[in-house]
Amino acid sequence: MRLDVILRVTTKLILPLMIVFAVYVLFHGDYGPGGGFQAGAIAGGAVSLYALIYGLGATMRIVPVAVVEALVPFGVLLFAGVGVAALLTGGNYLDYSHLAHDQVHGQEWGVFLVEVGVFITVASTVVAIFYAFAARARR
């Protein structure tokens, strides 16, 4: 792959756009199609594209396996933590109304934090699956 200049330059141009689009999809999920799952799939795909073009070693230096393995449960804990916080503030599990000074802001923050938890979990799971298959192919 070292001689494929067109692929490398195109990837350098596309990757930032993929990450910006993933962030857009994450933030736009409250108002239209999209959300944490779709944004996580796009971000995980961006990391996988980088690995395909620049190699697994270079990608693992940028996104180490230990970080990926820590982010998978962190996203799940963030999702569950929002539900537990709702319980502790007097509401039902994942009832976001009690998470802020008024119900509207509580709903906004609750949905956003749940979407971020889903985003982190999906993106890191996609990268972990890619790492598992790529490492297996190296043997």
N, C-alpha and C. Protein backbone atom coordinates (compact mmCIF):
# COMPACT_ATOMS: atom_id res chain seq x y z
N MET A 1 0.80 -1.21 0.00
CA MET A 1 0.00 0.00 0.00
C MET A 1 0.84 1.27 0.00
N ARG A 2 2.12 1.18 0.21
CA ARG A 2 2.94 2.38 0.33
C ARG A 2 3.00 3.17 -0.98
N LEU A 3 2.75 2.53 -2.10
CA LEU A 3 2.84 3.23 -3.38
C LEU A 3 1.50 3.77 -3.86
N ASP A 4 0.45 3.55 -3.12
CA ASP A 4 -0.87 4.02 -3.52
C ASP A 4 -1.11 5.44 -3.02
N VAL A 5 -0.50 6.38 -3.71
CA VAL A 5 -0.55 7.78 -3.29
C VAL A 5 -1.98 8.32 -3.37
N ILE A 6 -2.69 7.94 -4.39
CA ILE A 6 -4.05 8.44 -4.56
C ILE A 6 -4.93 8.01 -3.39
N LEU A 7 -4.82 6.76 -2.96
CA LEU A 7 -5.61 6.28 -1.83
C LEU A 7 -5.24 7.01 -0.54
N ARG A 8 -3.96 7.23 -0.34
CA ARG A 8 -3.52 7.90 0.89
C ARG A 8 -3.98 9.36 0.93
N VAL A 9 -3.85 10.06 -0.16
CA VAL A 9 -4.26 11.47 -0.20
C VAL A 9 -5.78 11.58 -0.08
N THR A 10 -6.50 10.72 -0.77
CA THR A 10 -7.96 10.74 -0.68
C THR A 10 -8.43 10.42 0.74
N THR A 11 -7.77 9.48 1.37
CA THR A 11 -8.13 9.14 2.75
C THR A 11 -7.85 10.31 3.68
N LYS A 12 -6.74 11.00 3.49
CA LYS A 12 -6.45 12.16 4.32
C LYS A 12 -7.50 13.25 4.15
N LEU A 13 -8.09 13.34 2.97
CA LEU A 13 -9.14 14.33 2.74
C LEU A 13 -10.49 13.87 3.29
N ILE A 14 -10.77 12.58 3.21
CA ILE A 14 -12.09 12.06 3.59
C ILE A 14 -12.22 11.86 5.10
N LEU A 15 -11.17 11.43 5.77
CA LEU A 15 -11.25 11.12 7.21
C LEU A 15 -11.76 12.28 8.06
N PRO A 16 -11.24 13.49 7.92
CA PRO A 16 -11.79 14.58 8.73
C PRO A 16 -13.27 14.83 8.44
N LEU A 17 -13.66 14.68 7.19
CA LEU A 17 -15.07 14.86 6.84
C LEU A 17 -15.94 13.77 7.47
N MET A 18 -15.42 12.55 7.54
CA MET A 18 -16.17 11.47 8.18
C MET A 18 -16.36 11.75 9.67
N ILE A 19 -15.33 12.22 10.31
CA ILE A 19 -15.43 12.51 11.75
C ILE A 19 -16.39 13.68 11.99
N VAL A 20 -16.30 14.72 11.18
CA VAL A 20 -17.23 15.85 11.32
C VAL A 20 -18.66 15.40 11.06
N PHE A 21 -18.86 14.55 10.07
CA PHE A 21 -20.20 14.04 9.78
C PHE A 21 -20.71 13.18 10.93
N ALA A 22 -19.83 12.39 11.54
CA ALA A 22 -20.24 11.58 12.69
C ALA A 22 -20.69 12.47 13.85
N VAL A 23 -19.96 13.54 14.09
CA VAL A 23 -20.34 14.48 15.15
C VAL A 23 -21.67 15.16 14.80
N TYR A 24 -21.84 15.52 13.54
CA TYR A 24 -23.11 16.12 13.10
C TYR A 24 -24.27 15.16 13.32
N VAL A 25 -24.10 13.92 12.93
CA VAL A 25 -25.16 12.91 13.10
C VAL A 25 -25.46 12.71 14.57
N LEU A 26 -24.44 12.73 15.42
CA LEU A 26 -24.64 12.58 16.85
C LEU A 26 -25.49 13.73 17.40
N PHE A 27 -25.12 14.96 17.08
CA PHE A 27 -25.84 16.12 17.61
C PHE A 27 -27.20 16.31 16.95
N HIS A 28 -27.34 15.88 15.72
CA HIS A 28 -28.60 16.05 15.01
C HIS A 28 -29.61 14.96 15.37
N GLY A 29 -29.19 13.95 16.09
CA GLY A 29 -30.06 12.83 16.43
C GLY A 29 -31.28 13.21 17.24
N ASP A 30 -31.22 14.32 17.97
CA ASP A 30 -32.39 14.77 18.73
C ASP A 30 -33.49 15.31 17.82
N TYR A 31 -33.11 15.83 16.67
CA TYR A 31 -34.06 16.57 15.84
C TYR A 31 -34.44 15.86 14.55
N GLY A 32 -33.77 14.82 14.19
CA GLY A 32 -34.08 14.13 12.95
C GLY A 32 -33.42 12.76 12.94
N PRO A 33 -33.35 12.15 11.77
CA PRO A 33 -32.71 10.83 11.68
C PRO A 33 -31.24 10.91 12.11
N GLY A 34 -30.82 9.92 12.80
CA GLY A 34 -29.44 9.87 13.25
C GLY A 34 -29.40 9.63 14.74
N GLY A 35 -28.23 9.75 15.29
CA GLY A 35 -28.07 9.54 16.72
C GLY A 35 -26.77 8.83 17.02
N GLY A 36 -26.69 8.31 18.21
CA GLY A 36 -25.46 7.70 18.68
C GLY A 36 -25.04 6.47 17.92
N PHE A 37 -25.99 5.62 17.56
CA PHE A 37 -25.62 4.39 16.86
C PHE A 37 -25.04 4.69 15.48
N GLN A 38 -25.73 5.51 14.73
CA GLN A 38 -25.25 5.84 13.38
C GLN A 38 -23.93 6.60 13.44
N ALA A 39 -23.81 7.54 14.37
CA ALA A 39 -22.57 8.30 14.50
C ALA A 39 -21.41 7.39 14.92
N GLY A 40 -21.69 6.45 15.81
CA GLY A 40 -20.65 5.51 16.23
C GLY A 40 -20.19 4.62 15.09
N ALA A 41 -21.14 4.19 14.26
CA ALA A 41 -20.77 3.36 13.10
C ALA A 41 -19.90 4.15 12.12
N ILE A 42 -20.21 5.42 11.93
CA ILE A 42 -19.42 6.25 11.02
C ILE A 42 -18.02 6.47 11.59
N ALA A 43 -17.92 6.78 12.88
CA ALA A 43 -16.60 7.00 13.50
C ALA A 43 -15.78 5.71 13.51
N GLY A 44 -16.41 4.59 13.82
CA GLY A 44 -15.69 3.31 13.78
C GLY A 44 -15.24 2.97 12.36
N GLY A 45 -16.07 3.31 11.39
CA GLY A 45 -15.69 3.10 9.99
C GLY A 45 -14.51 3.98 9.58
N ALA A 46 -14.44 5.18 10.13
CA ALA A 46 -13.31 6.07 9.83
C ALA A 46 -12.00 5.48 10.36
N VAL A 47 -12.04 4.94 11.57
CA VAL A 47 -10.84 4.31 12.13
C VAL A 47 -10.47 3.08 11.32
N SER A 48 -11.46 2.31 10.90
CA SER A 48 -11.19 1.12 10.09
C SER A 48 -10.61 1.49 8.73
N LEU A 49 -11.11 2.57 8.13
CA LEU A 49 -10.56 3.04 6.86
C LEU A 49 -9.10 3.45 7.03
N TYR A 50 -8.81 4.15 8.11
CA TYR A 50 -7.43 4.54 8.37
C TYR A 50 -6.53 3.31 8.48
N ALA A 51 -7.03 2.28 9.15
CA ALA A 51 -6.24 1.05 9.31
C ALA A 51 -6.03 0.34 7.97
N LEU A 52 -7.04 0.35 7.13
CA LEU A 52 -6.90 -0.30 5.82
C LEU A 52 -5.86 0.39 4.94
N ILE A 53 -5.80 1.71 5.04
CA ILE A 53 -4.90 2.46 4.16
C ILE A 53 -3.50 2.59 4.76
N TYR A 54 -3.40 2.90 6.05
CA TYR A 54 -2.11 3.18 6.66
C TYR A 54 -1.52 2.03 7.46
N GLY A 55 -2.28 0.98 7.65
CA GLY A 55 -1.78 -0.19 8.35
C GLY A 55 -2.28 -0.29 9.78
N LEU A 56 -2.34 -1.51 10.25
CA LEU A 56 -2.86 -1.78 11.58
C LEU A 56 -1.94 -1.21 12.67
N GLY A 57 -0.65 -1.29 12.47
CA GLY A 57 0.29 -0.78 13.47
C GLY A 57 0.15 0.72 13.69
N ALA A 58 0.03 1.46 12.62
CA ALA A 58 -0.13 2.91 12.73
C ALA A 58 -1.44 3.26 13.43
N THR A 59 -2.48 2.51 13.13
CA THR A 59 -3.78 2.77 13.75
C THR A 59 -3.75 2.43 15.23
N MET A 60 -3.09 1.34 15.59
CA MET A 60 -3.02 0.95 17.00
C MET A 60 -2.16 1.91 17.82
N ARG A 61 -1.27 2.65 17.17
CA ARG A 61 -0.52 3.69 17.88
C ARG A 61 -1.43 4.89 18.16
N ILE A 62 -2.35 5.18 17.26
CA ILE A 62 -3.27 6.31 17.45
C ILE A 62 -4.40 5.94 18.38
N VAL A 63 -4.99 4.76 18.17
CA VAL A 63 -6.11 4.27 18.98
C VAL A 63 -5.67 2.91 19.57
N PRO A 64 -5.01 2.93 20.72
CA PRO A 64 -4.50 1.68 21.30
C PRO A 64 -5.63 0.72 21.69
N VAL A 65 -5.29 -0.55 21.72
CA VAL A 65 -6.27 -1.58 22.06
C VAL A 65 -6.79 -1.37 23.48
N ALA A 66 -5.93 -0.97 24.39
CA ALA A 66 -6.36 -0.75 25.78
C ALA A 66 -7.42 0.34 25.87
N VAL A 67 -7.27 1.37 25.08
CA VAL A 67 -8.26 2.45 25.07
C VAL A 67 -9.58 1.95 24.51
N VAL A 68 -9.52 1.19 23.43
CA VAL A 68 -10.74 0.64 22.83
C VAL A 68 -11.45 -0.27 23.82
N GLU A 69 -10.69 -1.13 24.48
CA GLU A 69 -11.29 -2.06 25.44
C GLU A 69 -11.85 -1.34 26.65
N ALA A 70 -11.33 -0.19 26.99
CA ALA A 70 -11.87 0.58 28.11
C ALA A 70 -13.11 1.37 27.70
N LEU A 71 -13.17 1.80 26.45
CA LEU A 71 -14.30 2.62 26.00
C LEU A 71 -15.59 1.83 25.83
N VAL A 72 -15.49 0.55 25.50
CA VAL A 72 -16.71 -0.25 25.32
C VAL A 72 -17.55 -0.26 26.60
N PRO A 73 -17.00 -0.65 27.74
CA PRO A 73 -17.83 -0.62 28.95
C PRO A 73 -18.11 0.79 29.46
N PHE A 74 -17.23 1.76 29.15
CA PHE A 74 -17.48 3.13 29.60
C PHE A 74 -18.76 3.68 28.97
N GLY A 75 -18.97 3.42 27.69
CA GLY A 75 -20.19 3.87 27.04
C GLY A 75 -21.43 3.24 27.64
N VAL A 76 -21.35 1.96 27.94
CA VAL A 76 -22.48 1.26 28.57
C VAL A 76 -22.73 1.85 29.96
N LEU A 77 -21.65 2.11 30.72
CA LEU A 77 -21.80 2.69 32.05
C LEU A 77 -22.37 4.10 32.00
N LEU A 78 -22.00 4.87 30.99
CA LEU A 78 -22.57 6.21 30.83
C LEU A 78 -24.07 6.11 30.58
N PHE A 79 -24.46 5.22 29.68
CA PHE A 79 -25.88 5.00 29.38
C PHE A 79 -26.62 4.60 30.66
N ALA A 80 -26.10 3.59 31.35
CA ALA A 80 -26.76 3.11 32.57
C ALA A 80 -26.70 4.15 33.68
N GLY A 81 -25.61 4.91 33.73
CA GLY A 81 -25.47 5.94 34.75
C GLY A 81 -26.51 7.03 34.64
N VAL A 82 -26.92 7.36 33.43
CA VAL A 82 -27.98 8.35 33.25
C VAL A 82 -29.27 7.82 33.85
N GLY A 83 -29.54 6.54 33.65
CA GLY A 83 -30.73 5.93 34.24
C GLY A 83 -30.68 5.91 35.75
N VAL A 84 -29.52 5.57 36.29
CA VAL A 84 -29.37 5.53 37.74
C VAL A 84 -29.48 6.95 38.32
N ALA A 85 -28.91 7.94 37.62
CA ALA A 85 -29.03 9.32 38.08
C ALA A 85 -30.50 9.75 38.12
N ALA A 86 -31.27 9.31 37.15
CA ALA A 86 -32.71 9.62 37.16
C ALA A 86 -33.39 8.96 38.36
N LEU A 87 -33.00 7.74 38.66
CA LEU A 87 -33.56 7.07 39.84
C LEU A 87 -33.21 7.81 41.12
N LEU A 88 -31.96 8.24 41.23
CA LEU A 88 -31.50 8.90 42.45
C LEU A 88 -32.11 10.28 42.63
N THR A 89 -32.58 10.89 41.56
CA THR A 89 -33.20 12.22 41.67
C THR A 89 -34.71 12.15 41.78
N GLY A 90 -35.25 10.94 41.94
CA GLY A 90 -36.67 10.81 42.21
C GLY A 90 -37.54 10.41 41.03
N GLY A 91 -36.95 10.11 39.91
CA GLY A 91 -37.74 9.71 38.75
C GLY A 91 -37.63 8.22 38.50
N ASN A 92 -38.15 7.79 37.38
CA ASN A 92 -38.01 6.40 36.95
C ASN A 92 -36.70 6.23 36.21
N TYR A 93 -36.33 4.98 35.97
CA TYR A 93 -35.09 4.70 35.23
C TYR A 93 -35.21 5.29 33.83
N LEU A 94 -34.23 6.10 33.43
CA LEU A 94 -34.17 6.82 32.16
C LEU A 94 -35.32 7.82 32.00
N ASP A 95 -35.86 8.32 33.11
CA ASP A 95 -36.79 9.44 33.09
C ASP A 95 -35.95 10.70 33.26
N TYR A 96 -35.71 11.37 32.17
CA TYR A 96 -34.74 12.47 32.16
C TYR A 96 -35.27 13.75 32.79
N SER A 97 -36.54 13.81 33.11
CA SER A 97 -37.16 15.06 33.57
C SER A 97 -36.51 15.62 34.83
N HIS A 98 -35.94 14.78 35.65
CA HIS A 98 -35.39 15.22 36.94
C HIS A 98 -33.89 15.50 36.88
N LEU A 99 -33.30 15.49 35.71
CA LEU A 99 -31.84 15.64 35.64
C LEU A 99 -31.36 17.09 35.60
N ALA A 100 -32.28 18.04 35.50
CA ALA A 100 -31.89 19.45 35.46
C ALA A 100 -32.91 20.27 36.23
N HIS A 101 -32.73 21.58 36.20
CA HIS A 101 -33.60 22.47 36.96
C HIS A 101 -35.03 22.50 36.44
N ASP A 102 -35.23 22.20 35.17
CA ASP A 102 -36.59 22.06 34.63
C ASP A 102 -36.66 20.84 33.72
N GLN A 103 -37.87 20.43 33.38
CA GLN A 103 -38.06 19.18 32.62
C GLN A 103 -37.46 19.25 31.23
N VAL A 104 -37.57 20.37 30.56
CA VAL A 104 -37.07 20.48 29.18
C VAL A 104 -35.56 20.30 29.15
N HIS A 105 -34.85 20.99 30.02
CA HIS A 105 -33.39 20.84 30.05
C HIS A 105 -32.99 19.45 30.52
N GLY A 106 -33.75 18.88 31.42
CA GLY A 106 -33.48 17.51 31.86
C GLY A 106 -33.62 16.53 30.72
N GLN A 107 -34.66 16.69 29.91
CA GLN A 107 -34.86 15.82 28.75
C GLN A 107 -33.71 15.99 27.75
N GLU A 108 -33.31 17.23 27.49
CA GLU A 108 -32.23 17.48 26.53
C GLU A 108 -30.92 16.84 26.99
N TRP A 109 -30.58 17.06 28.27
CA TRP A 109 -29.33 16.50 28.78
C TRP A 109 -29.38 14.99 28.86
N GLY A 110 -30.51 14.45 29.26
CA GLY A 110 -30.62 13.00 29.36
C GLY A 110 -30.47 12.32 28.02
N VAL A 111 -31.19 12.82 27.02
CA VAL A 111 -31.10 12.23 25.68
C VAL A 111 -29.69 12.37 25.13
N PHE A 112 -29.09 13.54 25.32
CA PHE A 112 -27.74 13.76 24.81
C PHE A 112 -26.74 12.80 25.45
N LEU A 113 -26.79 12.65 26.76
CA LEU A 113 -25.84 11.77 27.44
C LEU A 113 -26.04 10.31 27.06
N VAL A 114 -27.28 9.89 26.88
CA VAL A 114 -27.54 8.53 26.42
C VAL A 114 -26.99 8.33 25.01
N GLU A 115 -27.20 9.30 24.14
CA GLU A 115 -26.69 9.20 22.77
C GLU A 115 -25.16 9.17 22.75
N VAL A 116 -24.51 9.93 23.62
CA VAL A 116 -23.05 9.90 23.70
C VAL A 116 -22.58 8.53 24.19
N GLY A 117 -23.29 7.95 25.16
CA GLY A 117 -22.95 6.61 25.63
C GLY A 117 -23.07 5.57 24.52
N VAL A 118 -24.14 5.66 23.74
CA VAL A 118 -24.32 4.74 22.62
C VAL A 118 -23.23 4.96 21.57
N PHE A 119 -22.92 6.23 21.29
CA PHE A 119 -21.86 6.56 20.32
C PHE A 119 -20.52 5.93 20.73
N ILE A 120 -20.14 6.14 21.99
CA ILE A 120 -18.86 5.60 22.46
C ILE A 120 -18.84 4.08 22.37
N THR A 121 -19.93 3.45 22.78
CA THR A 121 -19.99 1.98 22.76
C THR A 121 -19.92 1.44 21.34
N VAL A 122 -20.70 2.00 20.43
CA VAL A 122 -20.74 1.49 19.06
C VAL A 122 -19.41 1.74 18.35
N ALA A 123 -18.87 2.95 18.47
CA ALA A 123 -17.60 3.25 17.79
C ALA A 123 -16.48 2.34 18.29
N SER A 124 -16.38 2.18 19.60
CA SER A 124 -15.30 1.35 20.13
C SER A 124 -15.54 -0.13 19.84
N THR A 125 -16.78 -0.56 19.77
CA THR A 125 -17.06 -1.96 19.42
C THR A 125 -16.70 -2.24 17.98
N VAL A 126 -17.01 -1.32 17.08
CA VAL A 126 -16.64 -1.49 15.67
C VAL A 126 -15.12 -1.59 15.54
N VAL A 127 -14.41 -0.72 16.24
CA VAL A 127 -12.94 -0.75 16.18
C VAL A 127 -12.41 -2.04 16.81
N ALA A 128 -12.98 -2.47 17.91
CA ALA A 128 -12.54 -3.72 18.56
C ALA A 128 -12.75 -4.92 17.65
N ILE A 129 -13.88 -4.97 16.98
CA ILE A 129 -14.14 -6.07 16.04
C ILE A 129 -13.15 -6.02 14.88
N PHE A 130 -12.89 -4.82 14.37
CA PHE A 130 -11.92 -4.69 13.28
C PHE A 130 -10.53 -5.14 13.74
N TYR A 131 -10.12 -4.72 14.93
CA TYR A 131 -8.83 -5.13 15.46
C TYR A 131 -8.74 -6.65 15.60
N ALA A 132 -9.82 -7.24 16.08
CA ALA A 132 -9.82 -8.69 16.28
C ALA A 132 -9.65 -9.43 14.95
N PHE A 133 -10.38 -9.01 13.94
CA PHE A 133 -10.25 -9.66 12.63
C PHE A 133 -8.92 -9.36 11.97
N ALA A 134 -8.44 -8.12 12.09
CA ALA A 134 -7.17 -7.76 11.45
C ALA A 134 -6.01 -8.48 12.12
N ALA A 135 -6.05 -8.58 13.45
CA ALA A 135 -4.97 -9.27 14.16
C ALA A 135 -4.98 -10.75 13.82
N ARG A 136 -6.14 -11.30 13.63
CA ARG A 136 -6.24 -12.72 13.28
C ARG A 136 -5.69 -12.98 11.88
N ALA A 137 -5.89 -12.03 10.98
CA ALA A 137 -5.40 -12.19 9.62
C ALA A 137 -3.87 -12.10 9.56
N ARG A 138 -3.25 -11.44 10.53
CA ARG A 138 -1.79 -11.29 10.53
C ARG A 138 -1.08 -12.58 10.87
N ARG A 139 -1.77 -13.50 11.55
CA ARG A 139 -1.11 -14.75 11.99
C ARG A 139 -0.83 -15.66 10.84
